[in-house]
Structures are given as C-alpha cells and as structure tokens.
Amino acid sequence: MAELVFTYGTLRKDSWNHDFISDAKYIGKGKTVNKYTMSKMSIPYVTKEPTTRITGELYEVTDFILNRLDGLEGHPQWYRRETIPVEVNGTVHDAWLYFYPTNQGSIVESGDFLN
C-alpha cells in the first residue's frame, strides 16, 4: 500500500540521502499547513513548536521504502514519524513527517533547509 511522506532535509532532491527515496513517486514541492520549528546542525530537525511553515517535497512511497526511511531516521527511537497536513500545488494531503523531540543547533527561520 502506498503512503505519502513529506521530506524536508537530506532526503530532498540534490541532497546526500536522496537515494533512499529516489525510487518513489515525486508529487511536488510544498509546505506544511501548520507551523513547526526547524533547527539544524549538519542535518535538520523539526519539532512541534510553532515558528514557520516547513518547506519540503512530497513523495508517494511503498511499504519497502517507508521501512527503509524508518531505519534511516531511527523511528521511533530517534525521529518519530507522524501524519500531518501538507499543501502541494494548492491541494492538502495527509503525509508522514519525521519529528525530533527537541531543537538541535540553530533555528532555520525560513523553514527551508536547502535555502
């Protein structure tokens, strides 16, 4: 069964972990409907504190790819995957997003790790 995953960091196109999701169907670039906080050190972390909408890419993934992403993200011990609404091309989708429990490093005011 296909699932939707919203990527905001190293899984995005032209980033170093994109190979983990490159076989998935790309839906488009978009933003979270709700505001969250993105912080970064060498990688991004998104927490539930409301600061700004998060920019990322939406993918339709297979169970195999989702399990591979869970392994990469250390779900549920490190990052925790939760369903949130994201807006892509004017349409709202429910998609998985990997949250971290605490901010790490500096706040990314734009909400876009690659900007």
PDB file of N, CA and C in Angstrom:
ATOM      1  N   MET A   1       0.847  -1.193   0.000  1.00  0.00           N
ATOM      2  CA  MET A   1       0.000   0.000   0.000  1.00  0.00           C
ATOM      3  C   MET A   1       0.887   1.249   0.000  1.00  0.00           C
ATOM      4  N   ALA A   2       0.556   2.219  -0.825  1.00  0.00           N
ATOM      5  CA  ALA A   2       1.350   3.445  -0.937  1.00  0.00           C
ATOM      6  C   ALA A   2       1.023   4.392   0.211  1.00  0.00           C
ATOM      7  N   GLU A   3       2.051   5.065   0.684  1.00  0.00           N
ATOM      8  CA  GLU A   3       1.943   6.077   1.742  1.00  0.00           C
ATOM      9  C   GLU A   3       2.570   7.354   1.221  1.00  0.00           C
ATOM     10  N   LEU A   4       2.193   8.494   1.798  1.00  0.00           N
ATOM     11  CA  LEU A   4       2.810   9.770   1.447  1.00  0.00           C
ATOM     12  C   LEU A   4       3.787  10.177   2.546  1.00  0.00           C
ATOM     13  N   VAL A   5       4.959  10.640   2.126  1.00  0.00           N
ATOM     14  CA  VAL A   5       5.999  11.110   3.046  1.00  0.00           C
ATOM     15  C   VAL A   5       6.429  12.499   2.612  1.00  0.00           C
ATOM     16  N   PHE A   6       6.498  13.418   3.574  1.00  0.00           N
ATOM     17  CA  PHE A   6       6.952  14.782   3.315  1.00  0.00           C
ATOM     18  C   PHE A   6       8.377  14.909   3.831  1.00  0.00           C
ATOM     19  N   THR A   7       9.322  15.142   2.912  1.00  0.00           N
ATOM     20  CA  THR A   7      10.739  15.239   3.271  1.00  0.00           C
ATOM     21  C   THR A   7      11.146  16.705   3.327  1.00  0.00           C
ATOM     22  N   TYR A   8      11.963  17.055   4.314  1.00  0.00           N
ATOM     23  CA  TYR A   8      12.349  18.463   4.483  1.00  0.00           C
ATOM     24  C   TYR A   8      13.853  18.674   4.572  1.00  0.00           C
ATOM     25  N   GLY A   9      14.634  17.608   4.509  1.00  0.00           N
ATOM     26  CA  GLY A   9      16.077  17.764   4.717  1.00  0.00           C
ATOM     27  C   GLY A   9      16.909  16.981   3.729  1.00  0.00           C
ATOM     28  N   THR A  10      17.696  16.059   4.242  1.00  0.00           N
ATOM     29  CA  THR A  10      18.692  15.355   3.434  1.00  0.00           C
ATOM     30  C   THR A  10      18.096  14.348   2.462  1.00  0.00           C
ATOM     31  N   LEU A  11      16.793  14.094   2.531  1.00  0.00           N
ATOM     32  CA  LEU A  11      16.131  13.198   1.570  1.00  0.00           C
ATOM     33  C   LEU A  11      15.669  13.940   0.319  1.00  0.00           C
ATOM     34  N   ARG A  12      15.676  15.256   0.348  1.00  0.00           N
ATOM     35  CA  ARG A  12      15.204  16.040  -0.798  1.00  0.00           C
ATOM     36  C   ARG A  12      16.140  15.902  -1.988  1.00  0.00           C
ATOM     37  N   LYS A  13      15.606  16.222  -3.158  1.00  0.00           N
ATOM     38  CA  LYS A  13      16.397  16.175  -4.390  1.00  0.00           C
ATOM     39  C   LYS A  13      17.680  16.982  -4.202  1.00  0.00           C
ATOM     40  N   ASP A  14      18.751  16.514  -4.807  1.00  0.00           N
ATOM     41  CA  ASP A  14      20.061  17.171  -4.745  1.00  0.00           C
ATOM     42  C   ASP A  14      20.661  17.185  -3.348  1.00  0.00           C
ATOM     43  N   SER A  15      20.169  16.333  -2.444  1.00  0.00           N
ATOM     44  CA  SER A  15      20.769  16.225  -1.124  1.00  0.00           C
ATOM     45  C   SER A  15      21.317  14.811  -0.937  1.00  0.00           C
ATOM     46  N   TRP A  16      22.196  14.637   0.028  1.00  0.00           N
ATOM     47  CA  TRP A  16      23.010  13.419   0.096  1.00  0.00           C
ATOM     48  C   TRP A  16      22.272  12.140   0.454  1.00  0.00           C
ATOM     49  N   ASN A  17      21.079  12.182   1.028  1.00  0.00           N
ATOM     50  CA  ASN A  17      20.325  10.955   1.331  1.00  0.00           C
ATOM     51  C   ASN A  17      19.174  10.705   0.362  1.00  0.00           C
ATOM     52  N   HIS A  18      19.118  11.462  -0.725  1.00  0.00           N
ATOM     53  CA  HIS A  18      18.002  11.322  -1.668  1.00  0.00           C
ATOM     54  C   HIS A  18      17.895   9.911  -2.257  1.00  0.00           C
ATOM     55  N   ASP A  19      19.010   9.186  -2.333  1.00  0.00           N
ATOM     56  CA  ASP A  19      18.967   7.824  -2.881  1.00  0.00           C
ATOM     57  C   ASP A  19      18.008   6.914  -2.108  1.00  0.00           C
ATOM     58  N   PHE A  20      17.776   7.200  -0.837  1.00  0.00           N
ATOM     59  CA  PHE A  20      16.856   6.386  -0.042  1.00  0.00           C
ATOM     60  C   PHE A  20      15.421   6.476  -0.548  1.00  0.00           C
ATOM     61  N   ILE A  21      15.094   7.557  -1.265  1.00  0.00           N
ATOM     62  CA  ILE A  21      13.714   7.798  -1.698  1.00  0.00           C
ATOM     63  C   ILE A  21      13.607   8.033  -3.205  1.00  0.00           C
ATOM     64  N   SER A  22      14.713   7.931  -3.909  1.00  0.00           N
ATOM     65  CA  SER A  22      14.725   8.278  -5.342  1.00  0.00           C
ATOM     66  C   SER A  22      13.843   7.376  -6.201  1.00  0.00           C
ATOM     67  N   ASP A  23      13.509   6.181  -5.734  1.00  0.00           N
ATOM     68  CA  ASP A  23      12.619   5.290  -6.483  1.00  0.00           C
ATOM     69  C   ASP A  23      11.145   5.589  -6.245  1.00  0.00           C
ATOM     70  N   ALA A  24      10.838   6.484  -5.324  1.00  0.00           N
ATOM     71  CA  ALA A  24       9.456   6.831  -5.001  1.00  0.00           C
ATOM     72  C   ALA A  24       8.893   7.810  -6.029  1.00  0.00           C
ATOM     73  N   LYS A  25       7.573   7.901  -6.071  1.00  0.00           N
ATOM     74  CA  LYS A  25       6.903   8.838  -6.975  1.00  0.00           C
ATOM     75  C   LYS A  25       6.917  10.240  -6.356  1.00  0.00           C
ATOM     76  N   TYR A  26       7.533  11.188  -7.069  1.00  0.00           N
ATOM     77  CA  TYR A  26       7.592  12.580  -6.617  1.00  0.00           C
ATOM     78  C   TYR A  26       6.251  13.244  -6.912  1.00  0.00           C
ATOM     79  N   ILE A  27       5.627  13.828  -5.868  1.00  0.00           N
ATOM     80  CA  ILE A  27       4.344  14.515  -6.032  1.00  0.00           C
ATOM     81  C   ILE A  27       4.567  16.002  -6.276  1.00  0.00           C
ATOM     82  N   GLY A  28       5.490  16.609  -5.523  1.00  0.00           N
ATOM     83  CA  GLY A  28       5.780  18.024  -5.725  1.00  0.00           C
ATOM     84  C   GLY A  28       6.359  18.671  -4.488  1.00  0.00           C
ATOM     85  N   LYS A  29       6.769  19.922  -4.669  1.00  0.00           N
ATOM     86  CA  LYS A  29       7.309  20.732  -3.577  1.00  0.00           C
ATOM     87  C   LYS A  29       6.157  21.446  -2.892  1.00  0.00           C
ATOM     88  N   GLY A  30       6.240  21.565  -1.579  1.00  0.00           N
ATOM     89  CA  GLY A  30       5.169  22.227  -0.856  1.00  0.00           C
ATOM     90  C   GLY A  30       5.586  22.654   0.533  1.00  0.00           C
ATOM     91  N   LYS A  31       4.571  22.915   1.358  1.00  0.00           N
ATOM     92  CA  LYS A  31       4.800  23.373   2.732  1.00  0.00           C
ATOM     93  C   LYS A  31       3.810  22.691   3.666  1.00  0.00           C
ATOM     94  N   THR A  32       4.208  22.617   4.924  1.00  0.00           N
ATOM     95  CA  THR A  32       3.280  22.122   5.923  1.00  0.00           C
ATOM     96  C   THR A  32       2.129  23.127   6.067  1.00  0.00           C
ATOM     97  N   VAL A  33       0.951  22.645   6.383  1.00  0.00           N
ATOM     98  CA  VAL A  33      -0.184  23.538   6.629  1.00  0.00           C
ATOM     99  C   VAL A  33       0.033  24.268   7.952  1.00  0.00           C
ATOM    100  N   ASN A  34       0.495  23.546   8.951  1.00  0.00           N
ATOM    101  CA  ASN A  34       0.732  24.113  10.274  1.00  0.00           C
ATOM    102  C   ASN A  34       2.184  24.567  10.416  1.00  0.00           C
ATOM    103  N   LYS A  35       2.418  25.411  11.405  1.00  0.00           N
ATOM    104  CA  LYS A  35       3.767  25.905  11.676  1.00  0.00           C
ATOM    105  C   LYS A  35       4.492  24.965  12.639  1.00  0.00           C
ATOM    106  N   TYR A  36       5.774  24.782  12.372  1.00  0.00           N
ATOM    107  CA  TYR A  36       6.661  23.994  13.224  1.00  0.00           C
ATOM    108  C   TYR A  36       7.981  24.743  13.326  1.00  0.00           C
ATOM    109  N   THR A  37       8.933  24.198  14.069  1.00  0.00           N
ATOM    110  CA  THR A  37      10.255  24.797  14.168  1.00  0.00           C
ATOM    111  C   THR A  37      11.272  23.872  13.530  1.00  0.00           C
ATOM    112  N   MET A  38      12.060  24.424  12.614  1.00  0.00           N
ATOM    113  CA  MET A  38      13.181  23.688  12.045  1.00  0.00           C
ATOM    114  C   MET A  38      14.465  24.252  12.630  1.00  0.00           C
ATOM    115  N   SER A  39      15.305  23.361  13.104  1.00  0.00           N
ATOM    116  CA  SER A  39      16.643  23.740  13.536  1.00  0.00           C
ATOM    117  C   SER A  39      17.625  22.847  12.803  1.00  0.00           C
ATOM    118  N   LYS A  40      18.907  23.226  12.830  1.00  0.00           N
ATOM    119  CA  LYS A  40      19.893  22.403  12.129  1.00  0.00           C
ATOM    120  C   LYS A  40      21.247  22.506  12.800  1.00  0.00           C
ATOM    121  N   MET A  41      21.962  21.428  12.674  1.00  0.00           N
ATOM    122  CA  MET A  41      23.402  21.411  12.903  1.00  0.00           C
ATOM    123  C   MET A  41      23.943  21.009  11.536  1.00  0.00           C
ATOM    124  N   SER A  42      24.357  19.779  11.340  1.00  0.00           N
ATOM    125  CA  SER A  42      24.704  19.355   9.974  1.00  0.00           C
ATOM    126  C   SER A  42      23.478  18.793   9.263  1.00  0.00           C
ATOM    127  N   ILE A  43      22.457  18.407  10.014  1.00  0.00           N
ATOM    128  CA  ILE A  43      21.189  17.901   9.474  1.00  0.00           C
ATOM    129  C   ILE A  43      20.049  18.675  10.125  1.00  0.00           C
ATOM    130  N   PRO A  44      18.873  18.655   9.500  1.00  0.00           N
ATOM    131  CA  PRO A  44      17.745  19.395  10.071  1.00  0.00           C
ATOM    132  C   PRO A  44      16.948  18.569  11.077  1.00  0.00           C
ATOM    133  N   TYR A  45      16.315  19.281  11.968  1.00  0.00           N
ATOM    134  CA  TYR A  45      15.416  18.704  12.961  1.00  0.00           C
ATOM    135  C   TYR A  45      14.137  19.534  12.937  1.00  0.00           C
ATOM    136  N   VAL A  46      12.985  18.889  12.928  1.00  0.00           N
ATOM    137  CA  VAL A  46      11.720  19.615  13.013  1.00  0.00           C
ATOM    138  C   VAL A  46      11.020  19.197  14.294  1.00  0.00           C
ATOM    139  N   THR A  47      10.619  20.203  15.067  1.00  0.00           N
ATOM    140  CA  THR A  47       9.874  19.977  16.298  1.00  0.00           C
ATOM    141  C   THR A  47       8.502  20.630  16.173  1.00  0.00           C
ATOM    142  N   LYS A  48       7.647  20.362  17.132  1.00  0.00           N
ATOM    143  CA  LYS A  48       6.255  20.805  17.045  1.00  0.00           C
ATOM    144  C   LYS A  48       6.011  22.235  17.503  1.00  0.00           C
ATOM    145  N   GLU A  49       7.036  22.948  17.987  1.00  0.00           N
ATOM    146  CA  GLU A  49       6.834  24.337  18.374  1.00  0.00           C
ATOM    147  C   GLU A  49       6.487  25.158  17.135  1.00  0.00           C
ATOM    148  N   PRO A  50       5.447  26.002  17.205  1.00  0.00           N
ATOM    149  CA  PRO A  50       5.019  26.761  16.017  1.00  0.00           C
ATOM    150  C   PRO A  50       5.887  27.986  15.738  1.00  0.00           C
ATOM    151  N   THR A  51       6.691  27.913  14.679  1.00  0.00           N
ATOM    152  CA  THR A  51       7.519  29.043  14.251  1.00  0.00           C
ATOM    153  C   THR A  51       7.188  29.448  12.822  1.00  0.00           C
ATOM    154  N   THR A  52       7.246  28.496  11.888  1.00  0.00           N
ATOM    155  CA  THR A  52       7.013  28.789  10.476  1.00  0.00           C
ATOM    156  C   THR A  52       6.564  27.520   9.769  1.00  0.00           C
ATOM    157  N   ARG A  53       6.010  27.677   8.591  1.00  0.00           N
ATOM    158  CA  ARG A  53       5.673  26.510   7.782  1.00  0.00           C
ATOM    159  C   ARG A  53       6.970  25.913   7.232  1.00  0.00           C
ATOM    160  N   ILE A  54       7.037  24.616   7.163  1.00  0.00           N
ATOM    161  CA  ILE A  54       8.232  23.905   6.732  1.00  0.00           C
ATOM    162  C   ILE A  54       8.131  23.585   5.241  1.00  0.00           C
ATOM    163  N   THR A  55       9.179  23.885   4.489  1.00  0.00           N
ATOM    164  CA  THR A  55       9.242  23.606   3.057  1.00  0.00           C
ATOM    165  C   THR A  55       9.845  22.226   2.841  1.00  0.00           C
ATOM    166  N   GLY A  56       9.271  21.498   1.882  1.00  0.00           N
ATOM    167  CA  GLY A  56       9.808  20.178   1.574  1.00  0.00           C
ATOM    168  C   GLY A  56       9.226  19.608   0.304  1.00  0.00           C
ATOM    169  N   GLU A  57       9.408  18.307   0.151  1.00  0.00           N
ATOM    170  CA  GLU A  57       8.946  17.586  -1.037  1.00  0.00           C
ATOM    171  C   GLU A  57       8.075  16.418  -0.605  1.00  0.00           C
ATOM    172  N   LEU A  58       6.992  16.207  -1.366  1.00  0.00           N
ATOM    173  CA  LEU A  58       6.050  15.130  -1.071  1.00  0.00           C
ATOM    174  C   LEU A  58       6.294  13.966  -2.018  1.00  0.00           C
ATOM    175  N   TYR A  59       6.375  12.771  -1.434  1.00  0.00           N
ATOM    176  CA  TYR A  59       6.595  11.550  -2.206  1.00  0.00           C
ATOM    177  C   TYR A  59       5.559  10.502  -1.847  1.00  0.00           C
ATOM    178  N   GLU A  60       5.186   9.709  -2.844  1.00  0.00           N
ATOM    179  CA  GLU A  60       4.376   8.519  -2.611  1.00  0.00           C
ATOM    180  C   GLU A  60       5.347   7.348  -2.547  1.00  0.00           C
ATOM    181  N   VAL A  61       5.360   6.648  -1.422  1.00  0.00           N
ATOM    182  CA  VAL A  61       6.335   5.589  -1.202  1.00  0.00           C
ATOM    183  C   VAL A  61       5.654   4.243  -0.977  1.00  0.00           C
ATOM    184  N   THR A  62       6.385   3.196  -1.278  1.00  0.00           N
ATOM    185  CA  THR A  62       5.928   1.835  -0.992  1.00  0.00           C
ATOM    186  C   THR A  62       6.235   1.511   0.471  1.00  0.00           C
ATOM    187  N   ASP A  63       5.675   0.417   0.952  1.00  0.00           N
ATOM    188  CA  ASP A  63       5.989  -0.032   2.309  1.00  0.00           C
ATOM    189  C   ASP A  63       7.485  -0.306   2.454  1.00  0.00           C
ATOM    190  N   PHE A  64       8.110  -0.856   1.413  1.00  0.00           N
ATOM    191  CA  PHE A  64       9.542  -1.143   1.441  1.00  0.00           C
ATOM    192  C   PHE A  64      10.346   0.143   1.661  1.00  0.00           C
ATOM    193  N   ILE A  65      10.019   1.199   0.895  1.00  0.00           N
ATOM    194  CA  ILE A  65      10.743   2.473   1.037  1.00  0.00           C
ATOM    195  C   ILE A  65      10.464   3.090   2.401  1.00  0.00           C
ATOM    196  N   LEU A  66       9.210   3.026   2.871  1.00  0.00           N
ATOM    197  CA  LEU A  66       8.873   3.589   4.181  1.00  0.00           C
ATOM    198  C   LEU A  66       9.673   2.879   5.281  1.00  0.00           C
ATOM    199  N   ASN A  67       9.797   1.571   5.206  1.00  0.00           N
ATOM    200  CA  ASN A  67      10.597   0.835   6.186  1.00  0.00           C
ATOM    201  C   ASN A  67      12.069   1.243   6.116  1.00  0.00           C
ATOM    202  N   ARG A  68      12.575   1.467   4.909  1.00  0.00           N
ATOM    203  CA  ARG A  68      13.955   1.914   4.732  1.00  0.00           C
ATOM    204  C   ARG A  68      14.144   3.310   5.345  1.00  0.00           C
ATOM    205  N   LEU A  69      13.161   4.200   5.155  1.00  0.00           N
ATOM    206  CA  LEU A  69      13.232   5.542   5.750  1.00  0.00           C
ATOM    207  C   LEU A  69      13.170   5.470   7.274  1.00  0.00           C
ATOM    208  N   ASP A  70      12.304   4.595   7.803  1.00  0.00           N
ATOM    209  CA  ASP A  70      12.227   4.419   9.253  1.00  0.00           C
ATOM    210  C   ASP A  70      13.583   4.001   9.819  1.00  0.00           C
ATOM    211  N   GLY A  71      14.291   3.130   9.096  1.00  0.00           N
ATOM    212  CA  GLY A  71      15.616   2.714   9.532  1.00  0.00           C
ATOM    213  C   GLY A  71      16.604   3.863   9.508  1.00  0.00           C
ATOM    214  N   LEU A  72      16.588   4.642   8.435  1.00  0.00           N
ATOM    215  CA  LEU A  72      17.484   5.796   8.320  1.00  0.00           C
ATOM    216  C   LEU A  72      17.226   6.802   9.430  1.00  0.00           C
ATOM    217  N   GLU A  73      15.953   7.083   9.696  1.00  0.00           N
ATOM    218  CA  GLU A  73      15.572   8.109  10.664  1.00  0.00           C
ATOM    219  C   GLU A  73      15.538   7.593  12.104  1.00  0.00           C
ATOM    220  N   GLY A  74      15.743   6.288  12.294  1.00  0.00           N
ATOM    221  CA  GLY A  74      15.729   5.736  13.644  1.00  0.00           C
ATOM    222  C   GLY A  74      14.365   5.791  14.307  1.00  0.00           C
ATOM    223  N   HIS A  75      13.313   5.713  13.506  1.00  0.00           N
ATOM    224  CA  HIS A  75      11.938   5.743  14.028  1.00  0.00           C
ATOM    225  C   HIS A  75      11.653   4.459  14.791  1.00  0.00           C
ATOM    226  N   PRO A  76      11.111   4.492  15.994  1.00  0.00           N
ATOM    227  CA  PRO A  76      10.646   5.658  16.756  1.00  0.00           C
ATOM    228  C   PRO A  76      11.611   6.104  17.853  1.00  0.00           C
ATOM    229  N   GLN A  77      12.815   5.553  17.893  1.00  0.00           N
ATOM    230  CA  GLN A  77      13.736   5.917  18.975  1.00  0.00           C
ATOM    231  C   GLN A  77      14.375   7.293  18.784  1.00  0.00           C
ATOM    232  N   TRP A  78      14.674   7.687  17.544  1.00  0.00           N
ATOM    233  CA  TRP A  78      15.360   8.952  17.298  1.00  0.00           C
ATOM    234  C   TRP A  78      14.350   9.960  16.771  1.00  0.00           C
ATOM    235  N   TYR A  79      14.033   9.908  15.496  1.00  0.00           N
ATOM    236  CA  TYR A  79      12.932  10.695  14.939  1.00  0.00           C
ATOM    237  C   TYR A  79      11.645   9.909  15.156  1.00  0.00           C
ATOM    238  N   ARG A  80      10.520  10.641  15.204  1.00  0.00           N
ATOM    239  CA  ARG A  80       9.215   9.994  15.369  1.00  0.00           C
ATOM    240  C   ARG A  80       8.307  10.418  14.217  1.00  0.00           C
ATOM    241  N   ARG A  81       7.852   9.433  13.480  1.00  0.00           N
ATOM    242  CA  ARG A  81       7.033   9.674  12.288  1.00  0.00           C
ATOM    243  C   ARG A  81       5.578   9.890  12.699  1.00  0.00           C
ATOM    244  N   GLU A  82       4.990  11.022  12.218  1.00  0.00           N
ATOM    245  CA  GLU A  82       3.582  11.343  12.490  1.00  0.00           C
ATOM    246  C   GLU A  82       2.934  11.890  11.225  1.00  0.00           C
ATOM    247  N   THR A  83       1.631  11.719  11.122  1.00  0.00           N
ATOM    248  CA  THR A  83       0.880  12.227   9.980  1.00  0.00           C
ATOM    249  C   THR A  83       0.478  13.680  10.230  1.00  0.00           C
ATOM    250  N   ILE A  84       0.733  14.516   9.216  1.00  0.00           N
ATOM    251  CA  ILE A  84       0.372  15.932   9.280  1.00  0.00           C
ATOM    252  C   ILE A  84      -0.199  16.355   7.918  1.00  0.00           C
ATOM    253  N   PRO A  85      -0.929  17.487   7.852  1.00  0.00           N
ATOM    254  CA  PRO A  85      -1.377  18.001   6.560  1.00  0.00           C
ATOM    255  C   PRO A  85      -0.282  18.838   5.896  1.00  0.00           C
ATOM    256  N   VAL A  86      -0.070  18.581   4.605  1.00  0.00           N
ATOM    257  CA  VAL A  86       0.872  19.381   3.814  1.00  0.00           C
ATOM    258  C   VAL A  86       0.166  19.868   2.557  1.00  0.00           C
ATOM    259  N   GLU A  87       0.577  21.041   2.085  1.00  0.00           N
ATOM    260  CA  GLU A  87      -0.021  21.632   0.887  1.00  0.00           C
ATOM    261  C   GLU A  87       0.984  21.588  -0.260  1.00  0.00           C
ATOM    262  N   VAL A  88       0.566  20.958  -1.353  1.00  0.00           N
ATOM    263  CA  VAL A  88       1.387  20.859  -2.558  1.00  0.00           C
ATOM    264  C   VAL A  88       0.503  21.240  -3.744  1.00  0.00           C
ATOM    265  N   ASN A  89       0.917  22.249  -4.489  1.00  0.00           N
ATOM    266  CA  ASN A  89       0.175  22.709  -5.673  1.00  0.00           C
ATOM    267  C   ASN A  89      -1.296  22.998  -5.359  1.00  0.00           C
ATOM    268  N   GLY A  90      -1.552  23.614  -4.196  1.00  0.00           N
ATOM    269  CA  GLY A  90      -2.908  24.009  -3.829  1.00  0.00           C
ATOM    270  C   GLY A  90      -3.775  22.900  -3.267  1.00  0.00           C
ATOM    271  N   THR A  91      -3.253  21.685  -3.157  1.00  0.00           N
ATOM    272  CA  THR A  91      -4.008  20.551  -2.618  1.00  0.00           C
ATOM    273  C   THR A  91      -3.395  20.133  -1.287  1.00  0.00           C
ATOM    274  N   VAL A  92      -4.255  19.853  -0.307  1.00  0.00           N
ATOM    275  CA  VAL A  92      -3.783  19.409   1.006  1.00  0.00           C
ATOM    276  C   VAL A  92      -3.799  17.884   1.042  1.00  0.00           C
ATOM    277  N   HIS A  93      -2.686  17.305   1.489  1.00  0.00           N
ATOM    278  CA  HIS A  93      -2.513  15.858   1.612  1.00  0.00           C
ATOM    279  C   HIS A  93      -2.138  15.533   3.050  1.00  0.00           C
ATOM    280  N   ASP A  94      -2.551  14.379   3.535  1.00  0.00           N
ATOM    281  CA  ASP A  94      -2.062  13.863   4.808  1.00  0.00           C
ATOM    282  C   ASP A  94      -0.815  13.049   4.510  1.00  0.00           C
ATOM    283  N   ALA A  95       0.288  13.386   5.160  1.00  0.00           N
ATOM    284  CA  ALA A  95       1.558  12.727   4.876  1.00  0.00           C
ATOM    285  C   ALA A  95       2.349  12.523   6.164  1.00  0.00           C
ATOM    286  N   TRP A  96       3.210  11.549   6.129  1.00  0.00           N
ATOM    287  CA  TRP A  96       4.132  11.318   7.241  1.00  0.00           C
ATOM    288  C   TRP A  96       5.219  12.391   7.241  1.00  0.00           C
ATOM    289  N   LEU A  97       5.608  12.829   8.438  1.00  0.00           N
ATOM    290  CA  LEU A  97       6.741  13.721   8.623  1.00  0.00           C
ATOM    291  C   LEU A  97       7.511  13.201   9.834  1.00  0.00           C
ATOM    292  N   TYR A  98       8.839  13.238   9.758  1.00  0.00           N
ATOM    293  CA  TYR A  98       9.681  12.780  10.855  1.00  0.00           C
ATOM    294  C   TYR A  98      10.001  13.950  11.781  1.00  0.00           C
ATOM    295  N   PHE A  99       9.466  13.881  13.014  1.00  0.00           N
ATOM    296  CA  PHE A  99       9.705  14.901  14.036  1.00  0.00           C
ATOM    297  C   PHE A  99      10.839  14.462  14.953  1.00  0.00           C
ATOM    298  N   TYR A 100      11.546  15.455  15.495  1.00  0.00           N
ATOM    299  CA  TYR A 100      12.559  15.203  16.516  1.00  0.00           C
ATOM    300  C   TYR A 100      12.019  15.799  17.818  1.00  0.00           C
ATOM    301  N   PRO A 101      12.310  15.186  18.968  1.00  0.00           N
ATOM    302  CA  PRO A 101      11.702  15.691  20.209  1.00  0.00           C
ATOM    303  C   PRO A 101      12.213  17.044  20.697  1.00  0.00           C
ATOM    304  N   THR A 102      13.451  17.435  20.320  1.00  0.00           N
ATOM    305  CA  THR A 102      13.998  18.716  20.787  1.00  0.00           C
ATOM    306  C   THR A 102      14.733  19.426  19.659  1.00  0.00           C
ATOM    307  N   ASN A 103      14.824  20.754  19.747  1.00  0.00           N
ATOM    308  CA  ASN A 103      15.591  21.519  18.767  1.00  0.00           C
ATOM    309  C   ASN A 103      17.081  21.236  18.947  1.00  0.00           C
ATOM    310  N   GLN A 104      17.792  21.203  17.831  1.00  0.00           N
ATOM    311  CA  GLN A 104      19.233  20.958  17.836  1.00  0.00           C
ATOM    312  C   GLN A 104      19.905  22.020  16.976  1.00  0.00           C
ATOM    313  N   GLY A 105      20.810  22.790  17.552  1.00  0.00           N
ATOM    314  CA  GLY A 105      21.535  23.775  16.761  1.00  0.00           C
ATOM    315  C   GLY A 105      20.765  25.072  16.585  1.00  0.00           C
ATOM    316  N   SER A 106      20.951  25.688  15.411  1.00  0.00           N
ATOM    317  CA  SER A 106      20.357  26.999  15.146  1.00  0.00           C
ATOM    318  C   SER A 106      19.007  26.863  14.440  1.00  0.00           C
ATOM    319  N   ILE A 107      18.120  27.812  14.696  1.00  0.00           N
ATOM    320  CA  ILE A 107      16.781  27.831  14.086  1.00  0.00           C
ATOM    321  C   ILE A 107      16.908  28.245  12.617  1.00  0.00           C
ATOM    322  N   VAL A 108      16.186  27.556  11.744  1.00  0.00           N
ATOM    323  CA  VAL A 108      16.110  27.902  10.324  1.00  0.00           C
ATOM    324  C   VAL A 108      14.827  28.722  10.162  1.00  0.00           C
ATOM    325  N   GLU A 109      14.973  30.038  10.176  1.00  0.00           N
ATOM    326  CA  GLU A 109      13.819  30.948  10.181  1.00  0.00           C
ATOM    327  C   GLU A 109      12.924  30.761   8.946  1.00  0.00           C
ATOM    328  N   SER A 110      13.511  30.450   7.795  1.00  0.00           N
ATOM    329  CA  SER A 110      12.730  30.292   6.564  1.00  0.00           C
ATOM    330  C   SER A 110      11.940  28.991   6.533  1.00  0.00           C
ATOM    331  N   GLY A 111      12.329  28.006   7.346  1.00  0.00           N
ATOM    332  CA  GLY A 111      11.684  26.705   7.296  1.00  0.00           C
ATOM    333  C   GLY A 111      12.128  25.859   6.124  1.00  0.00           C
ATOM    334  N   ASP A 112      13.171  26.303   5.428  1.00  0.00           N
ATOM    335  CA  ASP A 112      13.673  25.587   4.254  1.00  0.00           C
ATOM    336  C   ASP A 112      15.147  25.254   4.462  1.00  0.00           C
ATOM    337  N   PHE A 113      15.441  23.984   4.711  1.00  0.00           N
ATOM    338  CA  PHE A 113      16.803  23.525   4.973  1.00  0.00           C
ATOM    339  C   PHE A 113      17.747  23.791   3.811  1.00  0.00           C
ATOM    340  N   LEU A 114      17.249  23.729   2.579  1.00  0.00           N
ATOM    341  CA  LEU A 114      18.100  23.893   1.417  1.00  0.00           C
ATOM    342  C   LEU A 114      18.190  25.338   0.947  1.00  0.00           C
ATOM    343  N   ASN A 115      17.592  26.269   1.664  1.00  0.00           N
ATOM    344  CA  ASN A 115      17.621  27.681   1.276  1.00  0.00           C
ATOM    345  C   ASN A 115      18.685  28.426   2.057  1.00  0.00           C
TER     346      ASN A 115
END
